[in-house]
Amino acid sequence: MARANLLIGQSGGATAVINASLVGAVETALASERVANVYGMLHGIEGFLKEELIDLSRQPAELWPRLRETPSAALGTCRYRLRDEDLEHALALLRRYEIRYLLYIGGNDSADTLHRLALAAQDRGYELQAISIPKTIDNDLPLTDHCPGYGSAARFIALATLDSSLNTSSIPWHYPVKIIETMGRDAGWLAAASALLKEDESDPPHLILVPERPFRQSEFLARVEAIQRRLGYVVIVVAETVRDESGRPLGSLGALGVDAFGHPLLSGAAQYLVESVRSQLGLRARFDKPGDLQRMASAYVSPVDRAEALLVGRQAVLAALAGESDQMITLQREEGPVYGCTTGLAPLASIANEKRCLPAEYLDESGTMITEAFRDYALPLLGELPPRYAQLAPIKVR
């Protein structure tokens, strides 16, 4: 293929390291003699359909090292589901701007967008190398060991759970029950990360509620009561989409509708549990809901996560230049005692609208706590952690 232009966009929920993928891709493209110009979509495919583009080739060189460490999506993002009538318009724009390399940074829904564009281009005989760059704090993309964005969000949840728990344990009679709600859509990867710094059974969190296991109210309340009697306080982490035995999300009481891809916009899982504990057990309870902070907190970024986000961006350009299309870059964990990852490719047809839930072996028999297998999997993604907090010895005055 002769020299052609490259277009890149960001889509879905932004993360603390998504810009590292953008930088990795742009720097690699600018270094290639086969790429004429590098353009960016403003606000993803939705902006592209409106011809809202920015020239990334003409940005100052000193921008890229700084942008690599900047959270959120520098190009802007979207949650737009392509309509059938959008495909012809998108292809017409690709032709108009002479774009032959198309990169899209995102998760499951973004893979669907790129897959449809790749198929449309192939069907109409337009040569297009379309490569997906993985991103999601949910960590639910299939065929990859893990997803860029997850390591930093998991690090935030692990440390924030510990920090918040210290406040609860310092005055347990005031609010003896603390509930922390995490993101994660239909997978429990983030909620599970809350227990990665737990060293003893009595350490928080004491219960983890994940979407992979149905919520049973009576069992939950019995365990909360037993733990509170034994320790004086209870810390619970709940994923936002935990469902009861009938399949109803606990947060459906505060449902806010659905997004463009039909995913429910839920609010209220933690609040539901707080009200249950108050009304059924008579215990004071409160909840923390970090929301966007878990996706965006730059102070909690995992250096491993940032390096891998940069890597998948670079590899996406190399894959496109090598003639690959309709594929997603994957991370493949190397065997051995020292953590390391290489990259591979997976077909978008196997990624789009699919999800990978938390495997059964990562949860104990109760389904409310992680196993050593999950620790082995997730801890390397968090990078070096701060030293364990100090604790006073209970030496009483005689």
Protein backbone atom coordinates (compact mmCIF):
# COMPACT_ATOMS: atom_id res chain seq x y z
CA MET A 1 0.00 0.00 0.00
CA ALA A 2 1.26 3.50 -0.83
CA ARG A 3 1.55 6.15 1.87
CA ALA A 4 -1.84 6.75 3.43
CA ASN A 5 -3.42 8.50 6.35
CA LEU A 6 -4.13 7.00 9.76
CA LEU A 7 -7.17 7.82 11.88
CA ILE A 8 -7.47 7.06 15.59
CA GLY A 9 -10.26 7.53 18.12
CA GLN A 10 -11.15 6.84 21.74
CA SER A 11 -14.48 5.42 22.83
CA GLY A 12 -16.40 4.33 25.90
CA GLY A 13 -15.45 5.12 29.48
CA ALA A 14 -12.14 6.93 29.77
CA THR A 15 -9.39 5.54 32.03
CA ALA A 16 -6.28 6.81 33.76
CA VAL A 17 -4.04 5.29 31.05
CA ILE A 18 -6.06 5.47 27.84
CA ASN A 19 -3.94 8.39 26.62
CA ALA A 20 -0.83 6.23 26.89
CA SER A 21 -2.33 4.01 24.19
CA LEU A 22 -3.03 7.08 22.08
CA VAL A 23 0.55 8.28 22.50
CA GLY A 24 1.99 4.85 21.71
CA ALA A 25 0.00 4.69 18.50
CA VAL A 26 0.67 8.27 17.37
CA GLU A 27 4.41 8.14 18.03
CA THR A 28 4.72 4.86 16.15
CA ALA A 29 2.66 6.15 13.23
CA LEU A 30 4.64 9.38 12.99
CA ALA A 31 7.86 7.37 12.84
CA SER A 32 6.63 5.32 9.87
CA GLU A 33 7.35 6.40 6.30
CA ARG A 34 4.18 4.59 5.22
CA VAL A 35 1.89 6.90 7.20
CA ALA A 36 1.32 10.28 5.58
CA ASN A 37 -0.82 12.04 8.21
CA VAL A 38 -2.23 11.07 11.58
CA TYR A 39 -5.72 12.32 12.34
CA GLY A 40 -7.76 12.02 15.53
CA MET A 41 -11.53 11.72 15.89
CA LEU A 42 -12.97 14.17 18.38
CA HIS A 43 -15.45 12.23 20.52
CA GLY A 44 -14.96 8.93 18.77
CA ILE A 45 -17.03 7.65 15.88
CA GLU A 46 -19.83 10.08 16.74
CA GLY A 47 -17.49 13.00 16.12
CA PHE A 48 -16.04 11.42 13.00
CA LEU A 49 -19.49 11.18 11.44
CA LYS A 50 -19.73 14.94 11.98
CA GLU A 51 -16.25 15.41 10.44
CA GLU A 52 -14.84 16.61 13.75
CA LEU A 53 -11.17 15.75 13.23
CA ILE A 54 -7.91 17.04 14.62
CA ASP A 55 -4.46 16.85 13.00
CA LEU A 56 -2.20 14.91 15.34
CA SER A 57 0.78 15.13 13.00
CA ARG A 58 1.21 18.81 13.73
CA GLN A 59 1.10 18.70 17.52
CA PRO A 60 4.25 19.91 19.33
CA ALA A 61 6.68 17.07 20.06
CA GLU A 62 6.89 17.95 23.74
CA LEU A 63 3.17 17.23 24.12
CA TRP A 64 3.39 13.45 23.84
CA PRO A 65 5.46 12.62 26.97
CA ARG A 66 3.11 14.78 29.04
CA LEU A 67 -0.03 13.36 27.46
CA ARG A 68 1.20 9.83 28.22
CA GLU A 69 0.71 10.59 31.92
CA THR A 70 -2.56 12.52 31.57
CA PRO A 71 -5.79 10.72 32.59
CA SER A 72 -9.09 10.70 30.72
CA ALA A 73 -9.52 10.75 26.93
CA ALA A 74 -7.59 13.58 25.28
CA LEU A 75 -9.52 13.19 22.04
CA GLY A 76 -12.84 12.98 23.82
CA THR A 77 -14.99 9.89 23.82
CA CYS A 78 -18.53 8.74 23.06
CA ARG A 79 -21.05 5.98 23.61
CA TYR A 80 -22.56 5.91 20.14
CA ARG A 81 -23.93 2.79 18.50
CA LEU A 82 -23.47 2.82 14.73
CA ARG A 83 -26.68 2.66 12.75
CA ASP A 84 -26.79 0.81 9.43
CA GLU A 85 -27.19 4.10 7.59
CA ASP A 86 -24.02 5.43 9.24
CA LEU A 87 -21.80 2.88 7.50
CA GLU A 88 -22.01 4.41 4.02
CA HIS A 89 -21.37 7.86 5.42
CA ALA A 90 -18.37 6.64 7.43
CA LEU A 91 -16.87 4.92 4.39
CA ALA A 92 -17.38 8.03 2.30
CA LEU A 93 -15.47 10.04 4.90
CA LEU A 94 -12.67 7.46 5.02
CA ARG A 95 -12.30 7.82 1.25
CA ARG A 96 -12.48 11.63 1.39
CA TYR A 97 -9.67 11.83 3.92
CA GLU A 98 -7.70 9.00 2.28
CA ILE A 99 -7.66 6.94 5.46
CA ARG A 100 -6.42 3.39 5.10
CA TYR A 101 -5.40 2.75 8.70
CA LEU A 102 -8.12 2.95 11.33
CA LEU A 103 -7.46 2.47 15.05
CA TYR A 104 -10.10 2.58 17.77
CA ILE A 105 -9.31 2.49 21.50
CA GLY A 106 -12.13 0.97 23.53
CA GLY A 107 -13.89 -2.04 24.98
CA ASN A 108 -16.62 -4.45 23.90
CA ASP A 109 -18.91 -1.88 22.30
CA SER A 110 -16.03 -0.15 20.53
CA ALA A 111 -14.98 -3.51 19.11
CA ASP A 112 -18.47 -3.85 17.68
CA THR A 113 -18.17 -0.44 16.01
CA LEU A 114 -14.81 -1.22 14.43
CA HIS A 115 -15.86 -4.73 13.41
CA ARG A 116 -18.86 -3.38 11.51
CA LEU A 117 -16.72 -0.76 9.78
CA ALA A 118 -14.13 -3.37 8.81
CA LEU A 119 -16.80 -5.64 7.36
CA ALA A 120 -18.44 -2.76 5.48
CA ALA A 121 -15.12 -1.73 3.95
CA GLN A 122 -14.36 -5.30 2.93
CA ASP A 123 -17.82 -5.72 1.43
CA ARG A 124 -17.39 -2.58 -0.67
CA GLY A 125 -13.83 -3.33 -1.75
CA TYR A 126 -12.24 -0.49 0.19
CA GLU A 127 -8.80 -1.41 1.50
CA LEU A 128 -8.79 -0.63 5.20
CA GLN A 129 -6.62 -1.93 8.04
CA ALA A 130 -8.82 -1.68 11.15
CA ILE A 131 -7.26 -2.54 14.52
CA SER A 132 -8.85 -2.31 17.96
CA ILE A 133 -6.75 -1.18 20.93
CA PRO A 134 -8.18 -2.70 24.15
CA LYS A 135 -9.27 -0.53 27.05
CA THR A 136 -11.62 -1.13 29.93
CA ILE A 137 -11.47 -0.98 33.70
CA ASP A 138 -14.13 -3.72 33.66
CA ASN A 139 -11.45 -6.19 32.47
CA ASP A 140 -14.14 -8.16 30.67
CA LEU A 141 -12.76 -8.46 27.13
CA PRO A 142 -12.33 -12.07 26.02
CA LEU A 143 -9.16 -13.57 24.51
CA THR A 144 -6.77 -11.24 26.36
CA ASP A 145 -5.15 -11.93 29.71
CA HIS A 146 -6.28 -8.54 30.99
CA CYS A 147 -7.20 -5.09 29.72
CA PRO A 148 -5.29 -1.80 29.92
CA GLY A 149 -7.03 0.43 32.44
CA TYR A 150 -7.86 -2.41 34.80
CA GLY A 151 -4.56 -2.47 36.67
CA SER A 152 -4.84 1.18 37.68
CA ALA A 153 -8.51 0.94 38.63
CA ALA A 154 -7.81 -2.25 40.61
CA ARG A 155 -4.94 -0.51 42.40
CA PHE A 156 -7.28 2.37 43.29
CA ILE A 157 -9.98 0.03 44.62
CA ALA A 158 -7.51 -2.05 46.66
CA LEU A 159 -5.92 1.00 48.30
CA ALA A 160 -9.16 2.99 48.67
CA THR A 161 -10.88 0.04 50.34
CA LEU A 162 -8.09 -0.18 52.87
CA ASP A 163 -8.09 3.59 53.48
CA SER A 164 -11.85 3.82 53.91
CA SER A 165 -11.89 0.77 56.17
CA LEU A 166 -9.44 2.41 58.56
CA ASN A 167 -11.97 5.16 59.17
CA THR A 168 -14.68 2.60 59.92
CA SER A 169 -12.51 0.53 62.25
CA SER A 170 -11.41 3.63 64.18
CA ILE A 171 -14.96 4.27 65.45
CA PRO A 172 -16.93 1.05 64.81
CA TRP A 173 -19.86 1.88 67.09
CA HIS A 174 -20.66 5.02 65.09
CA TYR A 175 -21.22 3.37 61.69
CA PRO A 176 -20.42 -0.33 62.15
CA VAL A 177 -21.21 -1.26 58.54
CA LYS A 178 -19.39 0.28 55.56
CA ILE A 179 -20.41 -0.61 52.00
CA ILE A 180 -18.25 0.33 49.00
CA GLU A 181 -19.72 0.17 45.50
CA THR A 182 -17.49 -0.44 42.49
CA MET A 183 -17.96 -0.22 38.75
CA GLY A 184 -17.45 -3.25 36.52
CA ARG A 185 -20.64 -3.68 34.52
CA ASP A 186 -21.50 -7.44 34.52
CA ALA A 187 -18.15 -8.72 35.76
CA GLY A 188 -16.68 -8.77 39.25
CA TRP A 189 -13.03 -8.07 38.44
CA LEU A 190 -12.97 -4.66 40.12
CA ALA A 191 -14.92 -5.70 43.19
CA ALA A 192 -12.57 -8.66 43.62
CA ALA A 193 -9.57 -6.32 43.54
CA SER A 194 -10.75 -4.75 46.80
CA ALA A 195 -9.36 -7.74 48.72
CA LEU A 196 -5.89 -7.79 47.19
CA LEU A 197 -4.33 -6.14 50.26
CA LYS A 198 -6.19 -8.34 52.74
CA GLU A 199 -3.67 -10.35 54.79
CA ASP A 200 -5.82 -11.89 57.51
CA GLU A 201 -9.39 -13.14 57.67
CA SER A 202 -10.28 -10.28 60.00
CA ASP A 203 -8.89 -7.67 57.59
CA PRO A 204 -11.37 -5.77 55.40
CA PRO A 205 -13.15 -6.27 53.15
CA HIS A 206 -15.09 -9.01 54.88
CA LEU A 207 -17.58 -9.69 52.09
CA ILE A 208 -17.41 -9.14 48.34
CA LEU A 209 -20.57 -9.26 46.23
CA VAL A 210 -19.99 -9.87 42.52
CA PRO A 211 -22.38 -10.17 39.55
CA GLU A 212 -21.25 -13.75 38.89
CA ARG A 213 -23.04 -14.94 42.03
CA PRO A 214 -26.74 -14.27 42.81
CA PHE A 215 -27.41 -12.16 45.89
CA ARG A 216 -29.31 -13.96 48.65
CA GLN A 217 -30.62 -11.48 51.15
CA SER A 218 -31.05 -13.81 54.13
CA GLU A 219 -27.54 -15.26 53.78
CA PHE A 220 -26.06 -11.80 53.38
CA LEU A 221 -27.74 -10.40 56.48
CA ALA A 222 -26.78 -13.44 58.57
CA ARG A 223 -23.13 -13.09 57.63
CA VAL A 224 -23.10 -9.34 58.23
CA GLU A 225 -24.58 -9.85 61.70
CA ALA A 226 -22.09 -12.59 62.56
CA ILE A 227 -19.06 -10.60 61.41
CA GLN A 228 -20.20 -7.47 63.23
CA ARG A 229 -20.61 -9.40 66.48
CA ARG A 230 -17.15 -10.92 66.11
CA LEU A 231 -15.15 -7.89 64.93
CA GLY A 232 -17.30 -4.92 65.86
CA TYR A 233 -17.56 -3.67 62.28
CA VAL A 234 -18.07 -4.97 58.73
CA VAL A 235 -16.74 -3.73 55.38
CA ILE A 236 -18.56 -4.95 52.27
CA VAL A 237 -17.68 -4.32 48.64
CA VAL A 238 -20.47 -4.65 46.09
CA ALA A 239 -20.30 -4.48 42.30
CA GLU A 240 -22.82 -2.07 40.80
CA THR A 241 -24.67 -4.78 38.84
CA VAL A 242 -25.10 -7.47 41.48
CA ARG A 243 -28.44 -9.22 40.97
CA ASP A 244 -30.79 -11.11 43.22
CA GLU A 245 -31.95 -14.69 42.57
CA SER A 246 -34.63 -13.50 40.18
CA GLY A 247 -32.08 -11.62 38.09
CA ARG A 248 -33.10 -8.15 39.25
CA PRO A 249 -30.17 -5.76 39.80
CA LEU A 250 -30.04 -4.48 43.37
CA GLY A 251 -29.55 -1.03 41.92
CA SER A 252 -32.68 -1.22 39.78
CA LEU A 253 -34.51 0.79 42.42
CA GLY A 254 -32.51 3.75 41.17
CA ALA A 255 -32.28 2.76 37.51
CA LEU A 256 -31.46 5.61 35.15
CA GLY A 257 -32.37 3.92 31.86
CA VAL A 258 -29.96 2.33 29.38
CA ASP A 259 -27.05 3.54 27.25
CA ALA A 260 -26.84 3.41 23.45
CA PHE A 261 -25.81 -0.24 23.55
CA GLY A 262 -28.66 -1.29 25.86
CA HIS A 263 -26.57 -1.58 29.02
CA PRO A 264 -28.58 -0.53 32.10
CA LEU A 265 -27.49 2.66 33.82
CA LEU A 266 -27.84 1.57 37.42
CA SER A 267 -27.63 3.49 40.63
CA GLY A 268 -28.26 2.22 44.10
CA ALA A 269 -26.74 -1.25 44.85
CA ALA A 270 -24.87 0.08 47.88
CA GLN A 271 -27.81 2.21 48.96
CA TYR A 272 -30.10 -0.83 48.78
CA LEU A 273 -27.74 -2.78 51.04
CA VAL A 274 -27.45 0.10 53.49
CA GLU A 275 -31.23 0.25 53.83
CA SER A 276 -31.43 -3.54 54.23
CA VAL A 277 -28.85 -3.55 57.01
CA ARG A 278 -30.55 -0.67 58.79
CA SER A 279 -34.07 -2.04 58.54
CA GLN A 280 -33.37 -5.75 59.06
CA LEU A 281 -30.45 -5.71 61.50
CA GLY A 282 -30.87 -2.33 63.15
CA LEU A 283 -27.22 -1.46 62.41
CA ARG A 284 -26.10 1.96 61.28
CA ALA A 285 -24.52 1.77 57.85
CA ARG A 286 -23.10 4.11 55.24
CA PHE A 287 -21.67 3.71 51.76
CA ASP A 288 -18.85 5.02 49.61
CA LYS A 289 -19.29 5.24 45.87
CA PRO A 290 -16.04 6.42 44.23
CA GLY A 291 -17.62 6.59 40.77
CA ASP A 292 -15.36 8.14 38.14
CA LEU A 293 -12.48 8.42 40.59
CA GLN A 294 -11.78 4.69 40.23
CA ARG A 295 -11.37 5.15 36.48
CA MET A 296 -9.53 8.45 36.50
CA ALA A 297 -7.37 8.84 39.61
CA SER A 298 -3.92 9.69 38.26
CA ALA A 299 -2.29 9.34 41.69
CA TYR A 300 -3.17 5.64 41.70
CA VAL A 301 -1.92 4.74 38.23
CA SER A 302 -0.12 1.41 38.01
CA PRO A 303 3.20 1.81 36.16
CA VAL A 304 2.68 -1.69 34.76
CA ASP A 305 -0.71 -0.65 33.41
CA ARG A 306 0.61 2.53 31.82
CA ALA A 307 3.50 0.69 30.14
CA GLU A 308 1.14 -1.92 28.72
CA ALA A 309 -1.31 0.72 27.51
CA LEU A 310 1.56 2.34 25.64
CA LEU A 311 2.60 -1.07 24.27
CA VAL A 312 -0.79 -2.01 22.81
CA GLY A 313 -0.99 1.39 21.10
CA ARG A 314 2.36 0.83 19.43
CA GLN A 315 1.52 -2.73 18.43
CA ALA A 316 -1.77 -1.65 16.87
CA VAL A 317 0.06 0.54 14.36
CA LEU A 318 2.57 -2.20 13.58
CA ALA A 319 -0.26 -4.69 13.04
CA ALA A 320 -2.06 -2.31 10.69
CA LEU A 321 1.14 -1.67 8.73
CA ALA A 322 1.64 -5.43 8.48
CA GLY A 323 -1.73 -5.75 6.72
CA GLU A 324 -3.79 -7.03 9.65
CA SER A 325 -7.41 -5.92 9.94
CA ASP A 326 -10.58 -6.64 11.89
CA GLN A 327 -8.40 -7.63 14.87
CA MET A 328 -7.80 -6.54 18.46
CA ILE A 329 -4.41 -6.37 20.13
CA THR A 330 -4.25 -8.76 23.09
CA LEU A 331 -1.98 -9.08 26.11
CA GLN A 332 -0.53 -12.54 26.65
CA ARG A 333 1.02 -13.36 30.00
CA GLU A 334 4.38 -15.08 29.86
CA GLU A 335 5.01 -18.18 31.95
CA GLY A 336 7.49 -18.08 34.78
CA PRO A 337 7.95 -16.58 38.24
CA VAL A 338 8.59 -13.06 36.94
CA TYR A 339 5.59 -11.24 35.47
CA GLY A 340 5.76 -10.24 31.83
CA CYS A 341 3.42 -9.79 28.87
CA THR A 342 3.71 -9.99 25.12
CA THR A 343 1.05 -9.03 22.59
CA GLY A 344 -1.03 -10.98 20.12
CA LEU A 345 -4.12 -10.60 17.94
CA ALA A 346 -7.71 -11.76 18.30
CA PRO A 347 -10.54 -11.45 15.74
CA LEU A 348 -13.03 -8.70 16.48
CA ALA A 349 -15.88 -11.08 15.67
CA SER A 350 -14.97 -12.93 18.90
CA ILE A 351 -14.66 -9.72 20.93
CA ALA A 352 -17.58 -7.51 19.88
CA ASN A 353 -20.45 -7.59 22.39
CA GLU A 354 -18.87 -10.51 24.27
CA LYS A 355 -17.70 -10.49 27.87
CA ARG A 356 -15.41 -12.47 30.14
CA CYS A 357 -16.65 -12.89 33.67
CA LEU A 358 -14.66 -13.66 36.79
CA PRO A 359 -13.69 -17.38 36.65
CA ALA A 360 -15.08 -19.63 39.39
CA GLU A 361 -11.59 -20.50 40.62
CA TYR A 362 -11.00 -16.87 41.58
CA LEU A 363 -13.73 -17.01 44.25
CA ASP A 364 -13.94 -19.19 47.36
CA GLU A 365 -16.81 -21.60 48.05
CA SER A 366 -18.97 -18.88 49.54
CA GLY A 367 -18.49 -16.72 46.43
CA THR A 368 -17.85 -13.72 48.67
CA MET A 369 -14.03 -13.71 48.88
CA ILE A 370 -11.13 -14.11 46.47
CA THR A 371 -8.72 -17.03 46.30
CA GLU A 372 -4.93 -17.16 46.04
CA ALA A 373 -5.36 -17.84 42.33
CA PHE A 374 -6.89 -14.40 41.89
CA ARG A 375 -4.10 -12.79 43.92
CA ASP A 376 -1.52 -14.45 41.68
CA TYR A 377 -3.39 -13.16 38.63
CA ALA A 378 -4.11 -9.59 39.70
CA LEU A 379 -1.36 -8.41 42.04
CA PRO A 380 1.33 -8.11 39.31
CA LEU A 381 -0.94 -5.71 37.41
CA LEU A 382 -0.99 -3.20 40.26
CA GLY A 383 2.73 -2.46 40.24
CA GLU A 384 4.77 -1.82 43.38
CA LEU A 385 2.53 -1.08 46.34
CA PRO A 386 3.24 1.18 49.34
CA PRO A 387 4.39 -0.41 52.60
CA ARG A 388 1.76 -1.87 54.89
CA TYR A 389 0.24 0.72 57.20
CA ALA A 390 1.49 0.88 60.79
CA GLN A 391 -0.64 -0.33 63.68
CA LEU A 392 -0.24 0.39 67.35
CA ALA A 393 0.36 -2.58 69.61
CA PRO A 394 -2.37 -2.95 72.30
CA ILE A 395 -0.03 -2.28 75.24
CA LYS A 396 -2.19 -0.92 78.00
CA VAL A 397 -1.08 1.36 80.81
CA ARG A 398 -0.84 -0.47 84.11
